[in-house]
Amino acid sequence: MSTQIATRVDDEQAALFKETTRQLGTTPADVLRMFISAFNDYRGFPYEVRLPRNDAEPFSSEQQATEYASRLALRMSDETR
Protein backbone atom coordinates (compact mmCIF):
# COMPACT_ATOMS: atom_id res chain seq x y z
CA MET A 1 0.00 0.00 0.00
CA SER A 2 1.19 3.55 -0.60
CA THR A 3 0.02 6.98 0.49
CA GLN A 4 -0.08 10.12 -1.60
CA ILE A 5 1.40 13.22 0.04
CA ALA A 6 0.65 16.63 -1.48
CA THR A 7 1.64 20.21 -0.75
CA ARG A 8 1.39 23.60 -2.42
CA VAL A 9 4.39 25.68 -3.42
CA ASP A 10 4.91 28.94 -5.26
CA ASP A 11 4.68 28.58 -9.06
CA GLU A 12 8.23 29.87 -9.54
CA GLN A 13 9.61 27.42 -6.97
CA ALA A 14 7.71 24.54 -8.58
CA ALA A 15 9.06 25.39 -12.05
CA LEU A 16 12.64 25.60 -10.74
CA PHE A 17 12.19 22.32 -8.86
CA LYS A 18 10.90 20.54 -11.97
CA GLU A 19 13.70 21.94 -14.15
CA THR A 20 16.40 21.02 -11.63
CA THR A 21 15.10 17.46 -11.30
CA ARG A 22 15.04 17.19 -15.11
CA GLN A 23 18.66 18.37 -15.31
CA LEU A 24 19.59 15.77 -12.70
CA GLY A 25 17.88 13.07 -14.75
CA THR A 26 15.17 12.31 -12.23
CA THR A 27 11.60 13.35 -11.50
CA PRO A 28 10.02 15.53 -8.82
CA ALA A 29 8.27 12.45 -7.39
CA ASP A 30 11.53 10.51 -7.16
CA VAL A 31 13.26 13.44 -5.46
CA LEU A 32 10.49 13.69 -2.88
CA ARG A 33 10.70 9.93 -2.24
CA MET A 34 14.49 10.26 -1.79
CA PHE A 35 14.05 13.16 0.62
CA ILE A 36 11.43 11.30 2.67
CA SER A 37 13.67 8.22 2.82
CA ALA A 38 16.67 10.30 3.95
CA PHE A 39 14.51 12.23 6.43
CA ASN A 40 13.31 8.97 7.96
CA ASP A 41 16.81 7.43 8.02
CA TYR A 42 18.23 10.52 9.77
CA ARG A 43 15.17 10.75 12.02
CA GLY A 44 14.95 14.39 10.94
CA PHE A 45 16.38 16.63 8.29
CA PRO A 46 19.35 15.13 6.44
CA TYR A 47 21.08 18.52 6.73
CA GLU A 48 21.46 21.18 9.40
CA VAL A 49 18.39 23.31 10.08
CA ARG A 50 19.14 26.37 12.13
CA LEU A 51 18.62 30.09 12.41
CA PRO A 52 21.39 32.36 11.15
CA ARG A 53 23.74 33.71 13.77
CA ASN A 54 23.65 37.45 14.19
CA ASP A 55 26.82 37.51 16.28
CA ALA A 56 29.15 36.31 13.52
CA GLU A 57 32.24 38.47 13.15
CA PRO A 58 34.50 38.68 10.12
CA PHE A 59 37.92 37.04 10.27
CA SER A 60 40.66 39.42 11.31
CA SER A 61 42.98 38.25 8.54
CA GLU A 62 43.11 36.09 5.45
CA GLN A 63 45.38 33.67 7.33
CA GLN A 64 42.77 33.24 10.07
CA ALA A 65 40.09 32.53 7.44
CA THR A 66 42.35 30.01 5.67
CA GLU A 67 43.17 28.21 8.92
CA TYR A 68 39.48 28.01 9.81
CA ALA A 69 38.57 26.66 6.36
CA SER A 70 41.36 24.07 6.58
CA ARG A 71 40.23 22.87 10.01
CA LEU A 72 36.63 22.68 8.82
CA ALA A 73 37.58 20.73 5.68
CA LEU A 74 39.64 18.25 7.74
CA ARG A 75 36.80 17.78 10.23
CA MET A 76 34.28 17.20 7.46
CA SER A 77 36.64 14.75 5.78
CA ASP A 78 37.05 12.83 9.05
CA GLU A 79 33.28 12.69 9.56
CA THR A 80 32.69 11.13 6.14
CA ARG A 81 35.14 8.30 6.72
PDB file of N, CA and C in Angstrom:
ATOM      1  N   MET A   1       0.848  -1.176   0.000  1.00  0.00           N
ATOM      2  CA  MET A   1       0.000   0.000   0.000  1.00  0.00           C
ATOM      3  C   MET A   1       0.894   1.239   0.000  1.00  0.00           C
ATOM      4  N   SER A   2       0.439   2.299  -0.603  1.00  0.00           N
ATOM      5  CA  SER A   2       1.187   3.551  -0.599  1.00  0.00           C
ATOM      6  C   SER A   2       0.228   4.697  -0.315  1.00  0.00           C
ATOM      7  N   THR A   3       0.801   5.801   0.144  1.00  0.00           N
ATOM      8  CA  THR A   3       0.022   6.982   0.491  1.00  0.00           C
ATOM      9  C   THR A   3       0.490   8.149  -0.348  1.00  0.00           C
ATOM     10  N   GLN A   4      -0.438   8.933  -0.849  1.00  0.00           N
ATOM     11  CA  GLN A   4      -0.079  10.124  -1.596  1.00  0.00           C
ATOM     12  C   GLN A   4       0.063  11.285  -0.632  1.00  0.00           C
ATOM     13  N   ILE A   5       1.159  12.025  -0.775  1.00  0.00           N
ATOM     14  CA  ILE A   5       1.401  13.218   0.037  1.00  0.00           C
ATOM     15  C   ILE A   5       1.441  14.402  -0.913  1.00  0.00           C
ATOM     16  N   ALA A   6       0.712  15.457  -0.599  1.00  0.00           N
ATOM     17  CA  ALA A   6       0.646  16.626  -1.479  1.00  0.00           C
ATOM     18  C   ALA A   6       0.898  17.901  -0.687  1.00  0.00           C
ATOM     19  N   THR A   7       1.436  18.902  -1.358  1.00  0.00           N
ATOM     20  CA  THR A   7       1.636  20.212  -0.749  1.00  0.00           C
ATOM     21  C   THR A   7       1.570  21.265  -1.840  1.00  0.00           C
ATOM     22  N   ARG A   8       1.412  22.500  -1.460  1.00  0.00           N
ATOM     23  CA  ARG A   8       1.389  23.600  -2.423  1.00  0.00           C
ATOM     24  C   ARG A   8       2.671  24.409  -2.267  1.00  0.00           C
ATOM     25  N   VAL A   9       3.216  24.812  -3.411  1.00  0.00           N
ATOM     26  CA  VAL A   9       4.393  25.679  -3.420  1.00  0.00           C
ATOM     27  C   VAL A   9       4.178  26.779  -4.456  1.00  0.00           C
ATOM     28  N   ASP A  10       4.938  27.824  -4.324  1.00  0.00           N
ATOM     29  CA  ASP A  10       4.913  28.942  -5.256  1.00  0.00           C
ATOM     30  C   ASP A  10       5.191  28.438  -6.679  1.00  0.00           C
ATOM     31  N   ASP A  11       4.514  29.008  -7.667  1.00  0.00           N
ATOM     32  CA  ASP A  11       4.679  28.577  -9.062  1.00  0.00           C
ATOM     33  C   ASP A  11       6.139  28.644  -9.518  1.00  0.00           C
ATOM     34  N   GLU A  12       6.821  29.701  -9.143  1.00  0.00           N
ATOM     35  CA  GLU A  12       8.232  29.866  -9.537  1.00  0.00           C
ATOM     36  C   GLU A  12       9.104  28.779  -8.915  1.00  0.00           C
ATOM     37  N   GLN A  13       8.859  28.472  -7.640  1.00  0.00           N
ATOM     38  CA  GLN A  13       9.613  27.420  -6.970  1.00  0.00           C
ATOM     39  C   GLN A  13       9.335  26.059  -7.611  1.00  0.00           C
ATOM     40  N   ALA A  14       8.080  25.807  -7.952  1.00  0.00           N
ATOM     41  CA  ALA A  14       7.713  24.542  -8.580  1.00  0.00           C
ATOM     42  C   ALA A  14       8.401  24.385  -9.929  1.00  0.00           C
ATOM     43  N   ALA A  15       8.420  25.450 -10.733  1.00  0.00           N
ATOM     44  CA  ALA A  15       9.062  25.390 -12.047  1.00  0.00           C
ATOM     45  C   ALA A  15      10.562  25.133 -11.902  1.00  0.00           C
ATOM     46  N   LEU A  16      11.205  25.813 -10.975  1.00  0.00           N
ATOM     47  CA  LEU A  16      12.638  25.603 -10.743  1.00  0.00           C
ATOM     48  C   LEU A  16      12.906  24.179 -10.261  1.00  0.00           C
ATOM     49  N   PHE A  17      12.060  23.680  -9.373  1.00  0.00           N
ATOM     50  CA  PHE A  17      12.188  22.318  -8.859  1.00  0.00           C
ATOM     51  C   PHE A  17      12.095  21.305 -10.001  1.00  0.00           C
ATOM     52  N   LYS A  18      11.091  21.462 -10.846  1.00  0.00           N
ATOM     53  CA  LYS A  18      10.905  20.540 -11.974  1.00  0.00           C
ATOM     54  C   LYS A  18      12.092  20.593 -12.935  1.00  0.00           C
ATOM     55  N   GLU A  19      12.567  21.798 -13.227  1.00  0.00           N
ATOM     56  CA  GLU A  19      13.695  21.939 -14.146  1.00  0.00           C
ATOM     57  C   GLU A  19      14.976  21.347 -13.555  1.00  0.00           C
ATOM     58  N   THR A  20      15.205  21.568 -12.281  1.00  0.00           N
ATOM     59  CA  THR A  20      16.397  21.017 -11.631  1.00  0.00           C
ATOM     60  C   THR A  20      16.351  19.500 -11.604  1.00  0.00           C
ATOM     61  N   THR A  21      15.196  18.934 -11.300  1.00  0.00           N
ATOM     62  CA  THR A  21      15.102  17.463 -11.304  1.00  0.00           C
ATOM     63  C   THR A  21      15.334  16.921 -12.709  1.00  0.00           C
ATOM     64  N   ARG A  22      14.830  17.614 -13.726  1.00  0.00           N
ATOM     65  CA  ARG A  22      15.043  17.190 -15.111  1.00  0.00           C
ATOM     66  C   ARG A  22      16.534  17.197 -15.449  1.00  0.00           C
ATOM     67  N   GLN A  23      17.231  18.271 -15.041  1.00  0.00           N
ATOM     68  CA  GLN A  23      18.663  18.374 -15.308  1.00  0.00           C
ATOM     69  C   GLN A  23      19.443  17.276 -14.592  1.00  0.00           C
ATOM     70  N   LEU A  24      18.941  16.849 -13.444  1.00  0.00           N
ATOM     71  CA  LEU A  24      19.592  15.774 -12.697  1.00  0.00           C
ATOM     72  C   LEU A  24      19.217  14.395 -13.225  1.00  0.00           C
ATOM     73  N   GLY A  25      18.289  14.346 -14.172  1.00  0.00           N
ATOM     74  CA  GLY A  25      17.885  13.072 -14.754  1.00  0.00           C
ATOM     75  C   GLY A  25      16.935  12.273 -13.885  1.00  0.00           C
ATOM     76  N   THR A  26      16.134  12.978 -13.110  1.00  0.00           N
ATOM     77  CA  THR A  26      15.174  12.311 -12.233  1.00  0.00           C
ATOM     78  C   THR A  26      13.839  13.039 -12.336  1.00  0.00           C
ATOM     79  N   THR A  27      12.917  12.710 -11.480  1.00  0.00           N
ATOM     80  CA  THR A  27      11.602  13.349 -11.496  1.00  0.00           C
ATOM     81  C   THR A  27      11.321  13.990 -10.140  1.00  0.00           C
ATOM     82  N   PRO A  28      10.401  14.942 -10.106  1.00  0.00           N
ATOM     83  CA  PRO A  28      10.022  15.527  -8.816  1.00  0.00           C
ATOM     84  C   PRO A  28       9.547  14.462  -7.819  1.00  0.00           C
ATOM     85  N   ALA A  29       8.769  13.502  -8.292  1.00  0.00           N
ATOM     86  CA  ALA A  29       8.268  12.453  -7.391  1.00  0.00           C
ATOM     87  C   ALA A  29       9.411  11.626  -6.812  1.00  0.00           C
ATOM     88  N   ASP A  30      10.386  11.278  -7.656  1.00  0.00           N
ATOM     89  CA  ASP A  30      11.533  10.508  -7.161  1.00  0.00           C
ATOM     90  C   ASP A  30      12.344  11.302  -6.137  1.00  0.00           C
ATOM     91  N   VAL A  31      12.517  12.594  -6.401  1.00  0.00           N
ATOM     92  CA  VAL A  31      13.263  13.437  -5.457  1.00  0.00           C
ATOM     93  C   VAL A  31      12.545  13.494  -4.116  1.00  0.00           C
ATOM     94  N   LEU A  32      11.239  13.647  -4.141  1.00  0.00           N
ATOM     95  CA  LEU A  32      10.486  13.688  -2.882  1.00  0.00           C
ATOM     96  C   LEU A  32      10.577  12.356  -2.151  1.00  0.00           C
ATOM     97  N   ARG A  33      10.534  11.242  -2.883  1.00  0.00           N
ATOM     98  CA  ARG A  33      10.699   9.933  -2.242  1.00  0.00           C
ATOM     99  C   ARG A  33      12.087   9.807  -1.616  1.00  0.00           C
ATOM    100  N   MET A  34      13.130  10.307  -2.337  1.00  0.00           N
ATOM    101  CA  MET A  34      14.494  10.261  -1.795  1.00  0.00           C
ATOM    102  C   MET A  34      14.608  11.105  -0.529  1.00  0.00           C
ATOM    103  N   PHE A  35      13.995  12.301  -0.559  1.00  0.00           N
ATOM    104  CA  PHE A  35      14.045  13.162   0.623  1.00  0.00           C
ATOM    105  C   PHE A  35      13.351  12.500   1.804  1.00  0.00           C
ATOM    106  N   ILE A  36      12.177  11.952   1.578  1.00  0.00           N
ATOM    107  CA  ILE A  36      11.434  11.300   2.667  1.00  0.00           C
ATOM    108  C   ILE A  36      12.233  10.135   3.233  1.00  0.00           C
ATOM    109  N   SER A  37      12.851   9.352   2.360  1.00  0.00           N
ATOM    110  CA  SER A  37      13.666   8.222   2.820  1.00  0.00           C
ATOM    111  C   SER A  37      14.841   8.718   3.669  1.00  0.00           C
ATOM    112  N   ALA A  38      15.544   9.751   3.188  1.00  0.00           N
ATOM    113  CA  ALA A  38      16.673  10.296   3.950  1.00  0.00           C
ATOM    114  C   ALA A  38      16.190  10.907   5.263  1.00  0.00           C
ATOM    115  N   PHE A  39      15.071  11.619   5.220  1.00  0.00           N
ATOM    116  CA  PHE A  39      14.506  12.227   6.428  1.00  0.00           C
ATOM    117  C   PHE A  39      14.223  11.161   7.476  1.00  0.00           C
ATOM    118  N   ASN A  40      13.622  10.060   7.029  1.00  0.00           N
ATOM    119  CA  ASN A  40      13.305   8.975   7.960  1.00  0.00           C
ATOM    120  C   ASN A  40      14.566   8.286   8.470  1.00  0.00           C
ATOM    121  N   ASP A  41      15.551   8.055   7.598  1.00  0.00           N
ATOM    122  CA  ASP A  41      16.807   7.428   8.024  1.00  0.00           C
ATOM    123  C   ASP A  41      17.546   8.280   9.062  1.00  0.00           C
ATOM    124  N   TYR A  42      17.549   9.607   8.845  1.00  0.00           N
ATOM    125  CA  TYR A  42      18.231  10.524   9.767  1.00  0.00           C
ATOM    126  C   TYR A  42      17.386  10.828  11.003  1.00  0.00           C
ATOM    127  N   ARG A  43      16.117  10.424  10.957  1.00  0.00           N
ATOM    128  CA  ARG A  43      15.166  10.753  12.018  1.00  0.00           C
ATOM    129  C   ARG A  43      15.038  12.273  12.158  1.00  0.00           C
ATOM    130  N   GLY A  44      15.033  12.936  11.022  1.00  0.00           N
ATOM    131  CA  GLY A  44      14.945  14.386  10.939  1.00  0.00           C
ATOM    132  C   GLY A  44      15.566  14.839   9.632  1.00  0.00           C
ATOM    133  N   PHE A  45      15.810  16.105   9.528  1.00  0.00           N
ATOM    134  CA  PHE A  45      16.379  16.628   8.293  1.00  0.00           C
ATOM    135  C   PHE A  45      17.757  16.033   8.033  1.00  0.00           C
ATOM    136  N   PRO A  46      18.038  15.689   6.769  1.00  0.00           N
ATOM    137  CA  PRO A  46      19.352  15.127   6.442  1.00  0.00           C
ATOM    138  C   PRO A  46      20.409  16.214   6.238  1.00  0.00           C
ATOM    139  N   TYR A  47      20.154  17.398   6.773  1.00  0.00           N
ATOM    140  CA  TYR A  47      21.084  18.525   6.728  1.00  0.00           C
ATOM    141  C   TYR A  47      20.758  19.408   7.925  1.00  0.00           C
ATOM    142  N   GLU A  48      21.667  20.324   8.225  1.00  0.00           N
ATOM    143  CA  GLU A  48      21.458  21.176   9.396  1.00  0.00           C
ATOM    144  C   GLU A  48      20.327  22.169   9.146  1.00  0.00           C
ATOM    145  N   VAL A  49      19.470  22.328  10.130  1.00  0.00           N
ATOM    146  CA  VAL A  49      18.393  23.313  10.084  1.00  0.00           C
ATOM    147  C   VAL A  49      18.591  24.206  11.289  1.00  0.00           C
ATOM    148  N   ARG A  50      18.879  25.453  11.017  1.00  0.00           N
ATOM    149  CA  ARG A  50      19.136  26.368  12.132  1.00  0.00           C
ATOM    150  C   ARG A  50      18.909  27.805  11.702  1.00  0.00           C
ATOM    151  N   LEU A  51      18.766  28.667  12.662  1.00  0.00           N
ATOM    152  CA  LEU A  51      18.621  30.094  12.407  1.00  0.00           C
ATOM    153  C   LEU A  51      20.004  30.697  12.189  1.00  0.00           C
ATOM    154  N   PRO A  52      20.086  31.732  11.360  1.00  0.00           N
ATOM    155  CA  PRO A  52      21.391  32.363  11.148  1.00  0.00           C
ATOM    156  C   PRO A  52      21.860  33.054  12.428  1.00  0.00           C
ATOM    157  N   ARG A  53      23.165  33.039  12.596  1.00  0.00           N
ATOM    158  CA  ARG A  53      23.745  33.708  13.767  1.00  0.00           C
ATOM    159  C   ARG A  53      23.926  35.182  13.458  1.00  0.00           C
ATOM    160  N   ASN A  54      23.488  36.006  14.360  1.00  0.00           N
ATOM    161  CA  ASN A  54      23.655  37.450  14.195  1.00  0.00           C
ATOM    162  C   ASN A  54      24.941  37.953  14.819  1.00  0.00           C
ATOM    163  N   ASP A  55      25.613  37.088  15.585  1.00  0.00           N
ATOM    164  CA  ASP A  55      26.816  37.515  16.279  1.00  0.00           C
ATOM    165  C   ASP A  55      28.094  37.138  15.531  1.00  0.00           C
ATOM    166  N   ALA A  56      27.978  36.704  14.290  1.00  0.00           N
ATOM    167  CA  ALA A  56      29.155  36.313  13.520  1.00  0.00           C
ATOM    168  C   ALA A  56      30.012  37.539  13.228  1.00  0.00           C
ATOM    169  N   GLU A  57      31.304  37.382  13.407  1.00  0.00           N
ATOM    170  CA  GLU A  57      32.235  38.474  13.145  1.00  0.00           C
ATOM    171  C   GLU A  57      33.163  38.066  12.015  1.00  0.00           C
ATOM    172  N   PRO A  58      33.596  39.024  11.213  1.00  0.00           N
ATOM    173  CA  PRO A  58      34.501  38.681  10.120  1.00  0.00           C
ATOM    174  C   PRO A  58      35.864  38.239  10.666  1.00  0.00           C
ATOM    175  N   PHE A  59      36.571  37.447   9.875  1.00  0.00           N
ATOM    176  CA  PHE A  59      37.919  37.043  10.269  1.00  0.00           C
ATOM    177  C   PHE A  59      38.818  38.268  10.291  1.00  0.00           C
ATOM    178  N   SER A  60      39.779  38.256  11.187  1.00  0.00           N
ATOM    179  CA  SER A  60      40.659  39.417  11.313  1.00  0.00           C
ATOM    180  C   SER A  60      41.741  39.441  10.237  1.00  0.00           C
ATOM    181  N   SER A  61      41.973  38.287   9.604  1.00  0.00           N
ATOM    182  CA  SER A  61      42.980  38.246   8.541  1.00  0.00           C
ATOM    183  C   SER A  61      42.660  37.110   7.575  1.00  0.00           C
ATOM    184  N   GLU A  62      43.287  37.158   6.419  1.00  0.00           N
ATOM    185  CA  GLU A  62      43.109  36.089   5.446  1.00  0.00           C
ATOM    186  C   GLU A  62      43.680  34.780   5.981  1.00  0.00           C
ATOM    187  N   GLN A  63      44.771  34.880   6.742  1.00  0.00           N
ATOM    188  CA  GLN A  63      45.379  33.675   7.330  1.00  0.00           C
ATOM    189  C   GLN A  63      44.412  33.010   8.304  1.00  0.00           C
ATOM    190  N   GLN A  64      43.732  33.794   9.120  1.00  0.00           N
ATOM    191  CA  GLN A  64      42.771  33.242  10.065  1.00  0.00           C
ATOM    192  C   GLN A  64      41.628  32.541   9.316  1.00  0.00           C
ATOM    193  N   ALA A  65      41.157  33.134   8.239  1.00  0.00           N
ATOM    194  CA  ALA A  65      40.091  32.525   7.438  1.00  0.00           C
ATOM    195  C   ALA A  65      40.571  31.225   6.806  1.00  0.00           C
ATOM    196  N   THR A  66      41.798  31.218   6.301  1.00  0.00           N
ATOM    197  CA  THR A  66      42.353  30.015   5.672  1.00  0.00           C
ATOM    198  C   THR A  66      42.515  28.895   6.688  1.00  0.00           C
ATOM    199  N   GLU A  67      43.002  29.219   7.876  1.00  0.00           N
ATOM    200  CA  GLU A  67      43.166  28.209   8.922  1.00  0.00           C
ATOM    201  C   GLU A  67      41.816  27.624   9.333  1.00  0.00           C
ATOM    202  N   TYR A  68      40.821  28.482   9.454  1.00  0.00           N
ATOM    203  CA  TYR A  68      39.484  28.013   9.814  1.00  0.00           C
ATOM    204  C   TYR A  68      38.953  27.073   8.736  1.00  0.00           C
ATOM    205  N   ALA A  69      39.069  27.481   7.470  1.00  0.00           N
ATOM    206  CA  ALA A  69      38.572  26.659   6.365  1.00  0.00           C
ATOM    207  C   ALA A  69      39.296  25.317   6.321  1.00  0.00           C
ATOM    208  N   SER A  70      40.591  25.322   6.585  1.00  0.00           N
ATOM    209  CA  SER A  70      41.363  24.069   6.580  1.00  0.00           C
ATOM    210  C   SER A  70      40.897  23.141   7.695  1.00  0.00           C
ATOM    211  N   ARG A  71      40.708  23.685   8.893  1.00  0.00           N
ATOM    212  CA  ARG A  71      40.227  22.866  10.010  1.00  0.00           C
ATOM    213  C   ARG A  71      38.841  22.297   9.718  1.00  0.00           C
ATOM    214  N   LEU A  72      37.975  23.121   9.152  1.00  0.00           N
ATOM    215  CA  LEU A  72      36.629  22.677   8.823  1.00  0.00           C
ATOM    216  C   LEU A  72      36.665  21.574   7.770  1.00  0.00           C
ATOM    217  N   ALA A  73      37.476  21.733   6.737  1.00  0.00           N
ATOM    218  CA  ALA A  73      37.582  20.729   5.682  1.00  0.00           C
ATOM    219  C   ALA A  73      38.108  19.410   6.246  1.00  0.00           C
ATOM    220  N   LEU A  74      39.098  19.464   7.126  1.00  0.00           N
ATOM    221  CA  LEU A  74      39.640  18.247   7.736  1.00  0.00           C
ATOM    222  C   LEU A  74      38.589  17.566   8.599  1.00  0.00           C
ATOM    223  N   ARG A  75      37.848  18.341   9.381  1.00  0.00           N
ATOM    224  CA  ARG A  75      36.796  17.778  10.229  1.00  0.00           C
ATOM    225  C   ARG A  75      35.709  17.107   9.385  1.00  0.00           C
ATOM    226  N   MET A  76      35.306  17.768   8.322  1.00  0.00           N
ATOM    227  CA  MET A  76      34.276  17.200   7.456  1.00  0.00           C
ATOM    228  C   MET A  76      34.792  15.934   6.773  1.00  0.00           C
ATOM    229  N   SER A  77      36.045  15.931   6.395  1.00  0.00           N
ATOM    230  CA  SER A  77      36.642  14.747   5.780  1.00  0.00           C
ATOM    231  C   SER A  77      36.670  13.589   6.764  1.00  0.00           C
ATOM    232  N   ASP A  78      37.025  13.867   8.014  1.00  0.00           N
ATOM    233  CA  ASP A  78      37.053  12.832   9.046  1.00  0.00           C
ATOM    234  C   ASP A  78      35.657  12.265   9.310  1.00  0.00           C
ATOM    235  N   GLU A  79      34.643  13.129   9.271  1.00  0.00           N
ATOM    236  CA  GLU A  79      33.276  12.695   9.558  1.00  0.00           C
ATOM    237  C   GLU A  79      32.703  11.812   8.454  1.00  0.00           C
ATOM    238  N   THR A  80      33.213  11.943   7.236  1.00  0.00           N
ATOM    239  CA  THR A  80      32.688  11.133   6.140  1.00  0.00           C
ATOM    240  C   THR A  80      33.381   9.793   6.018  1.00  0.00           C
ATOM    241  N   ARG A  81      34.421   9.577   6.785  1.00  0.00           N
ATOM    242  CA  ARG A  81      35.142   8.297   6.724  1.00  0.00           C
ATOM    243  C   ARG A  81      34.489   7.272   7.580  1.00  0.00           C
TER     244      ARG A  81
END
